[in-house]
Amino acid sequence: MSIIFTLKDQIFRYSPVQSSLEAVLFWTGYMIVLYALMSSGPALVLLREDQFLKMFIFISENKWMLVASKFISQLIILLLSSLILNILCSTLFFLPFLQLTLLSFFMILICDFPIYALFLFFSMLNIHKETVMPVTNIIIFIFIALTWNDFSSDPAVNQLITVINPIKYAASVGSLLLSPGSHGRVFSTIPVIAVATFSYLLIGFVSLKRMKILPIFRN
């Protein structure tokens, strides 16, 4: 509902389709980051501190299975949430439902796994489960603040923000899918997205290799 509230001025009005689609895709990117963050490394920290992670890996001898199952579960919930958002936005803002759904689907398909991998770095940290939620809230706030600040006057800074801010990264992917041929966007945006994707996947791979299994008080 908070997403709809931010677009309240456009409800039941024929606003420009392009700008409305871009706004909805931005919030889809926010949902991707939020769902990935809550189901990735922070969730593994909670399982670790409750000693479930140690028992699961002792029995299965495979931590990849646990990570994969959590990724798939959050992906299913994300797709359903995105579908509900698309239905609401198509109805309230008179947007083309099929186009919005396809854009959201491909955006999730491209962005969700790399962003999920990025937040696996939490699993390497020595943090208590009481610290997880405050830290994740602060991180989300920082990401939103970086996204809402305009760095377009400095292309280098704007590209750096796209790499270090997954909300901006997801929004860039959505914007590229929406209008791939505008202003040479293909040549300027794709390399930045590729660098961000590779960086996120690399961080995720290293995090899985160095994941801490034992609770902090037992280390």
N, C-alpha and C. Protein backbone atom coordinates (compact mmCIF):
# COMPACT_ATOMS: atom_id res chain seq x y z
N MET A 1 0.82 -1.21 0.00
CA MET A 1 0.00 0.00 0.00
C MET A 1 0.85 1.26 0.00
N SER A 2 2.02 1.18 0.64
CA SER A 2 2.90 2.36 0.65
C SER A 2 3.36 2.70 -0.76
N ILE A 3 3.55 1.68 -1.60
CA ILE A 3 3.95 1.92 -2.99
C ILE A 3 2.83 2.65 -3.73
N ILE A 4 1.60 2.19 -3.55
CA ILE A 4 0.46 2.85 -4.20
C ILE A 4 0.31 4.27 -3.68
N PHE A 5 0.58 4.48 -2.39
CA PHE A 5 0.41 5.81 -1.79
C PHE A 5 1.35 6.82 -2.44
N THR A 6 2.57 6.41 -2.75
CA THR A 6 3.52 7.33 -3.36
C THR A 6 3.09 7.74 -4.77
N LEU A 7 2.21 6.97 -5.38
CA LEU A 7 1.72 7.27 -6.73
C LEU A 7 0.27 7.73 -6.71
N LYS A 8 -0.20 8.19 -5.55
CA LYS A 8 -1.62 8.50 -5.38
C LYS A 8 -2.11 9.59 -6.32
N ASP A 9 -1.22 10.52 -6.71
CA ASP A 9 -1.64 11.62 -7.59
C ASP A 9 -2.00 11.15 -8.99
N GLN A 10 -1.59 9.92 -9.33
CA GLN A 10 -1.85 9.42 -10.68
C GLN A 10 -3.01 8.43 -10.73
N ILE A 11 -3.66 8.18 -9.57
CA ILE A 11 -4.73 7.19 -9.53
C ILE A 11 -5.91 7.65 -10.39
N PHE A 12 -6.38 6.73 -11.25
CA PHE A 12 -7.52 6.96 -12.13
C PHE A 12 -7.33 8.18 -13.03
N ARG A 13 -6.08 8.43 -13.39
CA ARG A 13 -5.78 9.52 -14.32
C ARG A 13 -4.90 8.96 -15.44
N TYR A 14 -5.08 9.52 -16.61
CA TYR A 14 -4.30 9.05 -17.75
C TYR A 14 -2.96 9.79 -17.78
N SER A 15 -2.05 9.34 -16.92
CA SER A 15 -0.71 9.91 -16.88
C SER A 15 0.12 9.31 -18.02
N PRO A 16 1.24 9.95 -18.36
CA PRO A 16 2.11 9.37 -19.39
C PRO A 16 2.49 7.93 -19.04
N VAL A 17 2.25 7.03 -19.96
CA VAL A 17 2.47 5.61 -19.69
C VAL A 17 3.93 5.31 -19.37
N GLN A 18 4.84 5.93 -20.11
CA GLN A 18 6.27 5.66 -19.94
C GLN A 18 6.73 6.00 -18.52
N SER A 19 6.38 7.18 -18.04
CA SER A 19 6.82 7.59 -16.71
C SER A 19 6.15 6.76 -15.62
N SER A 20 4.89 6.38 -15.84
CA SER A 20 4.19 5.55 -14.86
C SER A 20 4.80 4.16 -14.79
N LEU A 21 5.11 3.59 -15.95
CA LEU A 21 5.76 2.28 -15.97
C LEU A 21 7.11 2.33 -15.28
N GLU A 22 7.85 3.39 -15.52
CA GLU A 22 9.17 3.53 -14.89
C GLU A 22 9.05 3.63 -13.38
N ALA A 23 8.02 4.33 -12.89
CA ALA A 23 7.81 4.44 -11.45
C ALA A 23 7.47 3.09 -10.83
N VAL A 24 6.61 2.33 -11.50
CA VAL A 24 6.23 1.01 -10.99
C VAL A 24 7.43 0.07 -11.01
N LEU A 25 8.24 0.14 -12.05
CA LEU A 25 9.43 -0.72 -12.13
C LEU A 25 10.44 -0.35 -11.06
N PHE A 26 10.51 0.94 -10.71
CA PHE A 26 11.40 1.33 -9.61
C PHE A 26 10.98 0.63 -8.32
N TRP A 27 9.67 0.64 -8.04
CA TRP A 27 9.20 0.00 -6.81
C TRP A 27 9.30 -1.52 -6.90
N THR A 28 9.25 -2.06 -8.10
CA THR A 28 9.52 -3.49 -8.26
C THR A 28 10.96 -3.79 -7.89
N GLY A 29 11.88 -2.91 -8.29
CA GLY A 29 13.27 -3.06 -7.89
C GLY A 29 13.45 -2.99 -6.39
N TYR A 30 12.71 -2.09 -5.75
CA TYR A 30 12.74 -2.00 -4.29
C TYR A 30 12.27 -3.31 -3.66
N MET A 31 11.21 -3.89 -4.21
CA MET A 31 10.71 -5.17 -3.70
C MET A 31 11.74 -6.28 -3.88
N ILE A 32 12.41 -6.29 -5.01
CA ILE A 32 13.45 -7.31 -5.25
C ILE A 32 14.52 -7.23 -4.18
N VAL A 33 14.99 -6.02 -3.91
CA VAL A 33 16.05 -5.83 -2.91
C VAL A 33 15.56 -6.20 -1.52
N LEU A 34 14.36 -5.77 -1.18
CA LEU A 34 13.82 -6.05 0.16
C LEU A 34 13.64 -7.54 0.39
N TYR A 35 13.04 -8.24 -0.57
CA TYR A 35 12.81 -9.68 -0.42
C TYR A 35 14.13 -10.44 -0.38
N ALA A 36 15.07 -10.05 -1.24
CA ALA A 36 16.37 -10.73 -1.26
C ALA A 36 17.12 -10.50 0.03
N LEU A 37 17.08 -9.27 0.53
CA LEU A 37 17.79 -8.95 1.76
C LEU A 37 17.25 -9.74 2.95
N MET A 38 15.94 -9.79 3.08
CA MET A 38 15.35 -10.46 4.23
C MET A 38 15.49 -11.97 4.18
N SER A 39 15.63 -12.55 2.98
CA SER A 39 15.68 -14.00 2.85
C SER A 39 17.07 -14.55 2.62
N SER A 40 18.05 -13.68 2.51
CA SER A 40 19.41 -14.11 2.19
C SER A 40 20.28 -14.20 3.44
N GLY A 41 21.38 -13.44 3.47
CA GLY A 41 22.32 -13.51 4.57
C GLY A 41 21.72 -13.28 5.94
N PRO A 42 20.88 -12.24 6.13
CA PRO A 42 20.29 -12.02 7.46
C PRO A 42 19.49 -13.23 7.96
N ALA A 43 18.75 -13.90 7.06
CA ALA A 43 18.00 -15.09 7.47
C ALA A 43 18.94 -16.21 7.87
N LEU A 44 20.07 -16.33 7.18
CA LEU A 44 21.06 -17.36 7.54
C LEU A 44 21.70 -17.06 8.89
N VAL A 45 21.89 -15.78 9.20
CA VAL A 45 22.42 -15.41 10.52
C VAL A 45 21.46 -15.85 11.61
N LEU A 46 20.17 -15.64 11.41
CA LEU A 46 19.18 -16.06 12.41
C LEU A 46 19.19 -17.57 12.58
N LEU A 47 19.29 -18.30 11.47
CA LEU A 47 19.36 -19.77 11.55
C LEU A 47 20.64 -20.21 12.24
N ARG A 48 21.73 -19.51 11.99
CA ARG A 48 23.01 -19.84 12.62
C ARG A 48 22.95 -19.65 14.12
N GLU A 49 22.42 -18.52 14.55
CA GLU A 49 22.38 -18.22 15.98
C GLU A 49 21.39 -19.10 16.73
N ASP A 50 20.41 -19.65 16.02
CA ASP A 50 19.48 -20.61 16.64
C ASP A 50 20.00 -22.04 16.55
N GLN A 51 21.20 -22.21 16.02
CA GLN A 51 21.90 -23.49 15.88
C GLN A 51 21.24 -24.43 14.87
N PHE A 52 20.30 -23.91 14.09
CA PHE A 52 19.68 -24.74 13.05
C PHE A 52 20.65 -24.98 11.90
N LEU A 53 21.42 -23.96 11.55
CA LEU A 53 22.34 -24.06 10.42
C LEU A 53 23.37 -25.16 10.65
N LYS A 54 23.89 -25.21 11.88
CA LYS A 54 24.88 -26.24 12.21
C LYS A 54 24.28 -27.64 12.08
N MET A 55 23.08 -27.82 12.60
CA MET A 55 22.44 -29.14 12.56
C MET A 55 22.09 -29.53 11.13
N PHE A 56 21.60 -28.57 10.34
CA PHE A 56 21.21 -28.88 8.97
C PHE A 56 22.42 -29.32 8.15
N ILE A 57 23.51 -28.59 8.27
CA ILE A 57 24.70 -28.91 7.48
C ILE A 57 25.33 -30.21 7.98
N PHE A 58 25.23 -30.48 9.28
CA PHE A 58 25.76 -31.74 9.82
C PHE A 58 25.00 -32.93 9.25
N ILE A 59 23.67 -32.77 9.08
CA ILE A 59 22.85 -33.87 8.57
C ILE A 59 22.96 -33.99 7.05
N SER A 60 22.83 -32.88 6.36
CA SER A 60 22.79 -32.92 4.89
C SER A 60 24.17 -32.83 4.25
N GLU A 61 25.14 -32.26 4.98
CA GLU A 61 26.50 -32.03 4.47
C GLU A 61 26.47 -31.17 3.20
N ASN A 62 25.47 -30.31 3.11
CA ASN A 62 25.33 -29.49 1.90
C ASN A 62 24.64 -28.18 2.26
N LYS A 63 25.41 -27.10 2.34
CA LYS A 63 24.81 -25.80 2.65
C LYS A 63 24.19 -25.15 1.42
N TRP A 64 24.58 -25.61 0.23
CA TRP A 64 24.02 -25.05 -1.00
C TRP A 64 22.52 -25.33 -1.09
N MET A 65 22.10 -26.50 -0.59
CA MET A 65 20.69 -26.86 -0.67
C MET A 65 19.83 -25.90 0.15
N LEU A 66 20.31 -25.53 1.32
CA LEU A 66 19.57 -24.60 2.17
C LEU A 66 19.46 -23.23 1.51
N VAL A 67 20.57 -22.74 0.97
CA VAL A 67 20.57 -21.43 0.31
C VAL A 67 19.65 -21.46 -0.91
N ALA A 68 19.71 -22.53 -1.68
CA ALA A 68 18.87 -22.64 -2.88
C ALA A 68 17.39 -22.68 -2.51
N SER A 69 17.05 -23.41 -1.46
CA SER A 69 15.64 -23.50 -1.06
C SER A 69 15.11 -22.16 -0.58
N LYS A 70 15.92 -21.40 0.14
CA LYS A 70 15.49 -20.08 0.61
C LYS A 70 15.37 -19.12 -0.57
N PHE A 71 16.26 -19.25 -1.54
CA PHE A 71 16.16 -18.39 -2.73
C PHE A 71 14.88 -18.68 -3.51
N ILE A 72 14.60 -19.95 -3.72
CA ILE A 72 13.40 -20.32 -4.49
C ILE A 72 12.13 -19.87 -3.78
N SER A 73 12.10 -20.03 -2.46
CA SER A 73 10.90 -19.63 -1.72
C SER A 73 10.66 -18.13 -1.81
N GLN A 74 11.73 -17.34 -1.66
CA GLN A 74 11.55 -15.88 -1.76
C GLN A 74 11.24 -15.45 -3.19
N LEU A 75 11.76 -16.19 -4.17
CA LEU A 75 11.47 -15.88 -5.57
C LEU A 75 9.99 -16.08 -5.88
N ILE A 76 9.41 -17.17 -5.37
CA ILE A 76 7.99 -17.43 -5.59
C ILE A 76 7.14 -16.34 -4.96
N ILE A 77 7.47 -15.97 -3.72
CA ILE A 77 6.72 -14.91 -3.03
C ILE A 77 6.88 -13.58 -3.76
N LEU A 78 8.09 -13.31 -4.24
CA LEU A 78 8.35 -12.07 -4.97
C LEU A 78 7.54 -12.00 -6.26
N LEU A 79 7.48 -13.10 -7.00
CA LEU A 79 6.71 -13.13 -8.24
C LEU A 79 5.23 -12.91 -7.98
N LEU A 80 4.71 -13.53 -6.93
CA LEU A 80 3.30 -13.34 -6.59
C LEU A 80 3.03 -11.90 -6.16
N SER A 81 3.93 -11.34 -5.35
CA SER A 81 3.77 -9.96 -4.91
C SER A 81 3.83 -9.00 -6.09
N SER A 82 4.75 -9.27 -7.00
CA SER A 82 4.88 -8.43 -8.19
C SER A 82 3.62 -8.51 -9.06
N LEU A 83 3.06 -9.70 -9.17
CA LEU A 83 1.83 -9.87 -9.95
C LEU A 83 0.68 -9.07 -9.34
N ILE A 84 0.56 -9.11 -8.02
CA ILE A 84 -0.48 -8.34 -7.33
C ILE A 84 -0.27 -6.84 -7.56
N LEU A 85 0.99 -6.40 -7.45
CA LEU A 85 1.29 -4.99 -7.69
C LEU A 85 0.93 -4.59 -9.12
N ASN A 86 1.24 -5.46 -10.07
CA ASN A 86 0.93 -5.15 -11.48
C ASN A 86 -0.57 -5.05 -11.72
N ILE A 87 -1.33 -5.94 -11.09
CA ILE A 87 -2.79 -5.89 -11.24
C ILE A 87 -3.34 -4.58 -10.68
N LEU A 88 -2.86 -4.20 -9.49
CA LEU A 88 -3.32 -2.96 -8.87
C LEU A 88 -2.94 -1.74 -9.72
N CYS A 89 -1.68 -1.71 -10.15
CA CYS A 89 -1.21 -0.55 -10.91
C CYS A 89 -1.88 -0.46 -12.28
N SER A 90 -2.11 -1.60 -12.91
CA SER A 90 -2.79 -1.59 -14.21
C SER A 90 -4.21 -1.06 -14.08
N THR A 91 -4.85 -1.40 -12.96
CA THR A 91 -6.23 -0.95 -12.74
C THR A 91 -6.30 0.52 -12.34
N LEU A 92 -5.42 0.92 -11.43
CA LEU A 92 -5.49 2.27 -10.87
C LEU A 92 -4.90 3.33 -11.80
N PHE A 93 -3.87 2.95 -12.57
CA PHE A 93 -3.16 3.94 -13.38
C PHE A 93 -3.36 3.72 -14.88
N PHE A 94 -4.26 2.79 -15.25
CA PHE A 94 -4.57 2.52 -16.66
C PHE A 94 -3.31 2.16 -17.45
N LEU A 95 -2.53 1.25 -16.90
CA LEU A 95 -1.30 0.81 -17.56
C LEU A 95 -1.54 -0.52 -18.28
N PRO A 96 -0.79 -0.79 -19.35
CA PRO A 96 -0.94 -2.07 -20.06
C PRO A 96 -0.44 -3.23 -19.19
N PHE A 97 -1.36 -4.09 -18.78
CA PHE A 97 -1.04 -5.14 -17.82
C PHE A 97 0.00 -6.12 -18.36
N LEU A 98 -0.18 -6.56 -19.61
CA LEU A 98 0.73 -7.56 -20.17
C LEU A 98 2.14 -7.01 -20.27
N GLN A 99 2.28 -5.79 -20.76
CA GLN A 99 3.61 -5.18 -20.87
C GLN A 99 4.26 -5.03 -19.50
N LEU A 100 3.50 -4.55 -18.53
CA LEU A 100 4.04 -4.36 -17.18
C LEU A 100 4.45 -5.68 -16.56
N THR A 101 3.64 -6.71 -16.77
CA THR A 101 3.95 -8.03 -16.20
C THR A 101 5.20 -8.62 -16.83
N LEU A 102 5.33 -8.50 -18.15
CA LEU A 102 6.52 -9.02 -18.82
C LEU A 102 7.78 -8.27 -18.38
N LEU A 103 7.68 -6.95 -18.29
CA LEU A 103 8.82 -6.15 -17.84
C LEU A 103 9.24 -6.54 -16.43
N SER A 104 8.26 -6.69 -15.54
CA SER A 104 8.55 -7.06 -14.16
C SER A 104 9.17 -8.45 -14.08
N PHE A 105 8.63 -9.38 -14.89
CA PHE A 105 9.13 -10.76 -14.87
C PHE A 105 10.59 -10.81 -15.30
N PHE A 106 10.92 -10.17 -16.41
CA PHE A 106 12.30 -10.20 -16.89
C PHE A 106 13.23 -9.42 -15.95
N MET A 107 12.71 -8.37 -15.35
CA MET A 107 13.49 -7.61 -14.38
C MET A 107 13.85 -8.48 -13.18
N ILE A 108 12.87 -9.23 -12.67
CA ILE A 108 13.12 -10.14 -11.55
C ILE A 108 14.07 -11.25 -11.97
N LEU A 109 13.86 -11.77 -13.18
CA LEU A 109 14.69 -12.86 -13.69
C LEU A 109 16.16 -12.45 -13.76
N ILE A 110 16.42 -11.20 -14.15
CA ILE A 110 17.79 -10.71 -14.29
C ILE A 110 18.40 -10.32 -12.95
N CYS A 111 17.62 -9.66 -12.11
CA CYS A 111 18.18 -9.00 -10.92
C CYS A 111 18.15 -9.83 -9.64
N ASP A 112 17.16 -10.70 -9.50
CA ASP A 112 16.93 -11.30 -8.18
C ASP A 112 18.09 -12.15 -7.69
N PHE A 113 18.61 -13.02 -8.55
CA PHE A 113 19.69 -13.91 -8.09
C PHE A 113 20.97 -13.16 -7.75
N PRO A 114 21.44 -12.23 -8.60
CA PRO A 114 22.65 -11.47 -8.21
C PRO A 114 22.47 -10.68 -6.91
N ILE A 115 21.30 -10.04 -6.73
CA ILE A 115 21.08 -9.26 -5.51
C ILE A 115 20.99 -10.19 -4.31
N TYR A 116 20.35 -11.34 -4.48
CA TYR A 116 20.30 -12.32 -3.40
C TYR A 116 21.71 -12.77 -3.02
N ALA A 117 22.54 -13.00 -4.04
CA ALA A 117 23.92 -13.41 -3.79
C ALA A 117 24.69 -12.33 -3.05
N LEU A 118 24.45 -11.07 -3.39
CA LEU A 118 25.15 -9.96 -2.74
C LEU A 118 24.95 -9.98 -1.23
N PHE A 119 23.72 -10.19 -0.79
CA PHE A 119 23.42 -10.10 0.64
C PHE A 119 23.83 -11.35 1.42
N LEU A 120 24.38 -12.34 0.73
CA LEU A 120 24.93 -13.49 1.44
C LEU A 120 26.15 -13.11 2.27
N PHE A 121 26.71 -11.92 2.03
CA PHE A 121 27.89 -11.51 2.80
C PHE A 121 27.59 -11.43 4.30
N PHE A 122 26.32 -11.28 4.66
CA PHE A 122 25.94 -11.28 6.08
C PHE A 122 26.37 -12.57 6.76
N SER A 123 26.34 -13.67 6.00
CA SER A 123 26.65 -14.98 6.59
C SER A 123 28.10 -15.11 7.01
N MET A 124 28.95 -14.19 6.56
CA MET A 124 30.37 -14.21 6.97
C MET A 124 30.62 -13.39 8.23
N LEU A 125 29.65 -12.59 8.64
CA LEU A 125 29.88 -11.62 9.71
C LEU A 125 29.59 -12.21 11.08
N ASN A 126 30.34 -11.74 12.06
CA ASN A 126 30.10 -12.11 13.45
C ASN A 126 29.11 -11.12 14.07
N ILE A 127 27.84 -11.30 13.78
CA ILE A 127 26.82 -10.42 14.33
C ILE A 127 25.75 -11.26 15.02
N HIS A 128 25.18 -10.71 16.07
CA HIS A 128 24.12 -11.38 16.80
C HIS A 128 22.80 -11.20 16.07
N LYS A 129 21.86 -12.10 16.34
CA LYS A 129 20.57 -12.01 15.66
C LYS A 129 19.80 -10.77 16.07
N GLU A 130 20.08 -10.22 17.27
CA GLU A 130 19.41 -8.99 17.68
C GLU A 130 19.87 -7.79 16.87
N THR A 131 21.02 -7.93 16.23
CA THR A 131 21.60 -6.83 15.46
C THR A 131 21.13 -6.84 14.01
N VAL A 132 20.61 -7.98 13.56
CA VAL A 132 20.32 -8.15 12.14
C VAL A 132 19.28 -7.15 11.64
N MET A 133 18.14 -7.06 12.31
CA MET A 133 17.06 -6.19 11.83
C MET A 133 17.45 -4.72 11.81
N PRO A 134 18.06 -4.17 12.88
CA PRO A 134 18.49 -2.77 12.79
C PRO A 134 19.46 -2.51 11.64
N VAL A 135 20.39 -3.44 11.42
CA VAL A 135 21.36 -3.26 10.34
C VAL A 135 20.68 -3.29 8.98
N THR A 136 19.76 -4.22 8.77
CA THR A 136 19.06 -4.30 7.49
C THR A 136 18.20 -3.05 7.24
N ASN A 137 17.58 -2.54 8.29
CA ASN A 137 16.77 -1.32 8.14
C ASN A 137 17.64 -0.13 7.74
N ILE A 138 18.81 -0.03 8.35
CA ILE A 138 19.74 1.06 8.02
C ILE A 138 20.22 0.93 6.58
N ILE A 139 20.52 -0.30 6.17
CA ILE A 139 21.01 -0.53 4.81
C ILE A 139 19.95 -0.13 3.78
N ILE A 140 18.70 -0.54 4.01
CA ILE A 140 17.62 -0.18 3.10
C ILE A 140 17.46 1.34 3.02
N PHE A 141 17.54 2.01 4.17
CA PHE A 141 17.42 3.47 4.19
C PHE A 141 18.53 4.12 3.37
N ILE A 142 19.75 3.62 3.52
CA ILE A 142 20.88 4.17 2.76
C ILE A 142 20.68 3.95 1.27
N PHE A 143 20.23 2.77 0.88
CA PHE A 143 19.99 2.48 -0.53
C PHE A 143 18.95 3.43 -1.12
N ILE A 144 17.85 3.65 -0.39
CA ILE A 144 16.80 4.55 -0.88
C ILE A 144 17.32 5.97 -0.99
N ALA A 145 18.09 6.41 0.03
CA ALA A 145 18.64 7.77 0.01
C ALA A 145 19.57 7.96 -1.19
N LEU A 146 20.40 6.96 -1.47
CA LEU A 146 21.30 7.05 -2.62
C LEU A 146 20.53 7.07 -3.94
N THR A 147 19.41 6.36 -3.98
CA THR A 147 18.61 6.30 -5.20
C THR A 147 17.91 7.62 -5.47
N TRP A 148 17.41 8.26 -4.43
CA TRP A 148 16.64 9.50 -4.61
C TRP A 148 17.51 10.72 -4.83
N ASN A 149 18.80 10.64 -4.53
CA ASN A 149 19.70 11.75 -4.82
C ASN A 149 20.11 11.70 -6.28
N ASP A 150 20.14 12.85 -6.91
CA ASP A 150 20.42 12.93 -8.34
C ASP A 150 21.92 13.09 -8.57
N PHE A 151 22.52 12.06 -9.18
CA PHE A 151 23.95 12.11 -9.51
C PHE A 151 24.16 12.14 -11.03
N SER A 152 23.10 12.49 -11.76
CA SER A 152 23.17 12.44 -13.22
C SER A 152 24.17 13.44 -13.79
N SER A 153 24.51 14.49 -13.02
CA SER A 153 25.46 15.49 -13.52
C SER A 153 26.88 14.93 -13.60
N ASP A 154 27.14 13.88 -12.86
CA ASP A 154 28.46 13.24 -12.88
C ASP A 154 28.28 11.78 -13.28
N PRO A 155 28.50 11.44 -14.54
CA PRO A 155 28.26 10.07 -15.01
C PRO A 155 29.06 9.02 -14.24
N ALA A 156 30.30 9.34 -13.89
CA ALA A 156 31.14 8.37 -13.18
C ALA A 156 30.54 8.03 -11.82
N VAL A 157 30.11 9.06 -11.09
CA VAL A 157 29.49 8.84 -9.78
C VAL A 157 28.18 8.08 -9.94
N ASN A 158 27.42 8.43 -10.95
CA ASN A 158 26.14 7.75 -11.20
C ASN A 158 26.36 6.27 -11.49
N GLN A 159 27.39 5.95 -12.25
CA GLN A 159 27.70 4.55 -12.55
C GLN A 159 28.17 3.81 -11.30
N LEU A 160 28.95 4.49 -10.47
CA LEU A 160 29.41 3.88 -9.22
C LEU A 160 28.23 3.58 -8.30
N ILE A 161 27.29 4.52 -8.20
CA ILE A 161 26.10 4.32 -7.37
C ILE A 161 25.29 3.14 -7.89
N THR A 162 25.23 2.98 -9.20
CA THR A 162 24.50 1.85 -9.78
C THR A 162 25.12 0.53 -9.36
N VAL A 163 26.44 0.49 -9.24
CA VAL A 163 27.12 -0.75 -8.85
C VAL A 163 26.95 -1.05 -7.37
N ILE A 164 27.07 -0.03 -6.51
CA ILE A 164 27.06 -0.27 -5.07
C ILE A 164 25.65 -0.24 -4.47
N ASN A 165 24.67 0.23 -5.22
CA ASN A 165 23.31 0.32 -4.71
C ASN A 165 22.40 -0.62 -5.50
N PRO A 166 21.99 -1.74 -4.93
CA PRO A 166 21.19 -2.71 -5.70
C PRO A 166 19.82 -2.19 -6.13
N ILE A 167 19.25 -1.22 -5.39
CA ILE A 167 17.98 -0.64 -5.84
C ILE A 167 18.19 0.13 -7.14
N LYS A 168 19.26 0.91 -7.19
CA LYS A 168 19.60 1.64 -8.41
C LYS A 168 19.94 0.67 -9.54
N TYR A 169 20.62 -0.40 -9.21
CA TYR A 169 20.96 -1.44 -10.19
C TYR A 169 19.69 -2.05 -10.79
N ALA A 170 18.75 -2.44 -9.93
CA ALA A 170 17.50 -3.03 -10.42
C ALA A 170 16.69 -2.02 -11.22
N ALA A 171 16.65 -0.77 -10.75
CA ALA A 171 15.92 0.28 -11.48
C ALA A 171 16.55 0.52 -12.85
N SER A 172 17.87 0.44 -12.94
CA SER A 172 18.55 0.62 -14.22
C SER A 172 18.20 -0.51 -15.19
N VAL A 173 18.12 -1.72 -14.66
CA VAL A 173 17.72 -2.86 -15.50
C VAL A 173 16.30 -2.66 -16.00
N GLY A 174 15.40 -2.24 -15.10
CA GLY A 174 14.02 -2.00 -15.51
C GLY A 174 13.91 -0.89 -16.54
N SER A 175 14.67 0.18 -16.34
CA SER A 175 14.65 1.29 -17.29
C SER A 175 15.20 0.87 -18.64
N LEU A 176 16.23 0.03 -18.62
CA LEU A 176 16.80 -0.47 -19.87
C LEU A 176 15.81 -1.36 -20.62
N LEU A 177 15.11 -2.22 -19.88
CA LEU A 177 14.10 -3.08 -20.50
C LEU A 177 12.95 -2.26 -21.07
N LEU A 178 12.62 -1.17 -20.39
CA LEU A 178 11.49 -0.34 -20.81
C LEU A 178 11.80 0.43 -22.09
N SER A 179 13.00 0.99 -22.17
CA SER A 179 13.37 1.77 -23.37
C SER A 179 14.83 1.52 -23.70
N PRO A 180 15.13 0.38 -24.31
CA PRO A 180 16.53 0.00 -24.54
C PRO A 180 17.27 0.87 -25.53
N GLY A 181 16.57 1.52 -26.45
CA GLY A 181 17.25 2.26 -27.50
C GLY A 181 17.38 3.74 -27.27
N SER A 182 16.95 4.24 -26.12
CA SER A 182 16.93 5.70 -25.93
C SER A 182 18.28 6.23 -25.48
N HIS A 183 18.76 7.26 -26.17
CA HIS A 183 19.95 8.00 -25.79
C HIS A 183 21.19 7.11 -25.63
N GLY A 184 21.31 6.12 -26.48
CA GLY A 184 22.48 5.26 -26.42
C GLY A 184 22.59 4.49 -25.13
N ARG A 185 21.44 4.20 -24.51
CA ARG A 185 21.43 3.57 -23.19
C ARG A 185 22.07 2.19 -23.21
N VAL A 186 21.93 1.47 -24.32
CA VAL A 186 22.48 0.13 -24.40
C VAL A 186 23.98 0.14 -24.16
N PHE A 187 24.69 1.07 -24.79
CA PHE A 187 26.15 1.10 -24.70
C PHE A 187 26.64 1.70 -23.39
N SER A 188 25.84 2.56 -22.76
CA SER A 188 26.27 3.20 -21.52
C SER A 188 25.85 2.43 -20.28
N THR A 189 24.74 1.70 -20.35
CA THR A 189 24.19 1.05 -19.17
C THR A 189 24.58 -0.41 -19.04
N ILE A 190 24.60 -1.13 -20.15
CA ILE A 190 24.87 -2.57 -20.08
C ILE A 190 26.23 -2.88 -19.44
N PRO A 191 27.32 -2.19 -19.78
CA PRO A 191 28.60 -2.49 -19.10
C PRO A 191 28.53 -2.29 -17.59
N VAL A 192 27.83 -1.24 -17.14
CA VAL A 192 27.70 -0.99 -15.70
C VAL A 192 26.89 -2.10 -15.04
N ILE A 193 25.80 -2.50 -15.68
CA ILE A 193 24.98 -3.59 -15.15
C ILE A 193 25.77 -4.90 -15.11
N ALA A 194 26.58 -5.14 -16.15
CA ALA A 194 27.39 -6.35 -16.19
C ALA A 194 28.42 -6.37 -15.06
N VAL A 195 29.06 -5.23 -14.81
CA VAL A 195 30.04 -5.14 -13.71
C VAL A 195 29.36 -5.38 -12.37
N ALA A 196 28.19 -4.76 -12.17
CA ALA A 196 27.46 -4.94 -10.92
C ALA A 196 27.04 -6.40 -10.74
N THR A 197 26.54 -7.01 -11.80
CA THR A 197 26.09 -8.41 -11.72
C THR A 197 27.25 -9.33 -11.37
N PHE A 198 28.38 -9.15 -12.04
CA PHE A 198 29.55 -9.98 -11.75
C PHE A 198 30.03 -9.76 -10.31
N SER A 199 30.04 -8.52 -9.86
CA SER A 199 30.49 -8.21 -8.50
C SER A 199 29.58 -8.86 -7.46
N TYR A 200 28.27 -8.78 -7.68
CA TYR A 200 27.33 -9.37 -6.73
C TYR A 200 27.49 -10.89 -6.66
N LEU A 201 27.63 -11.52 -7.83
CA LEU A 201 27.79 -12.97 -7.86
C LEU A 201 29.10 -13.40 -7.22
N LEU A 202 30.16 -12.63 -7.43
CA LEU A 202 31.45 -12.94 -6.82
C LEU A 202 31.37 -12.84 -5.30
N ILE A 203 30.73 -11.78 -4.82
CA ILE A 203 30.55 -11.62 -3.37
C ILE A 203 29.75 -12.79 -2.80
N GLY A 204 28.71 -13.20 -3.51
CA GLY A 204 27.91 -14.33 -3.05
C GLY A 204 28.69 -15.62 -3.01
N PHE A 205 29.52 -15.86 -4.02
CA PHE A 205 30.32 -17.09 -4.05
C PHE A 205 31.32 -17.12 -2.90
N VAL A 206 32.02 -16.01 -2.69
CA VAL A 206 32.99 -15.92 -1.59
C VAL A 206 32.28 -16.07 -0.25
N SER A 207 31.11 -15.48 -0.13
CA SER A 207 30.36 -15.55 1.13
C SER A 207 29.95 -16.98 1.46
N LEU A 208 29.52 -17.73 0.44
CA LEU A 208 29.15 -19.12 0.68
C LEU A 208 30.36 -19.95 1.10
N LYS A 209 31.50 -19.67 0.49
CA LYS A 209 32.71 -20.40 0.84
C LYS A 209 33.14 -20.12 2.28
N ARG A 210 32.91 -18.89 2.75
CA ARG A 210 33.37 -18.48 4.07
C ARG A 210 32.23 -18.33 5.08
N MET A 211 31.11 -18.93 4.78
CA MET A 211 29.96 -18.83 5.67
C MET A 211 30.29 -19.39 7.05
N LYS A 212 29.91 -18.64 8.08
CA LYS A 212 30.12 -19.09 9.45
C LYS A 212 28.95 -19.98 9.87
N ILE A 213 29.28 -21.15 10.37
CA ILE A 213 28.27 -22.15 10.71
C ILE A 213 27.89 -22.12 12.18
N LEU A 214 28.89 -21.93 13.05
CA LEU A 214 28.64 -21.98 14.48
C LEU A 214 28.13 -20.65 15.01
N PRO A 215 27.25 -20.67 16.00
CA PRO A 215 26.80 -19.42 16.63
C PRO A 215 27.98 -18.66 17.22
N ILE A 216 27.81 -17.37 17.39
CA ILE A 216 28.90 -16.53 17.86
C ILE A 216 29.40 -16.97 19.22
N PHE A 217 28.49 -17.31 20.13
CA PHE A 217 28.92 -17.65 21.49
C PHE A 217 29.68 -18.96 21.55
N ARG A 218 29.71 -19.73 20.44
CA ARG A 218 30.47 -20.97 20.40
C ARG A 218 31.78 -20.81 19.62
N ASN A 219 32.01 -19.63 19.03
CA ASN A 219 33.25 -19.42 18.28
C ASN A 219 34.39 -19.06 19.22
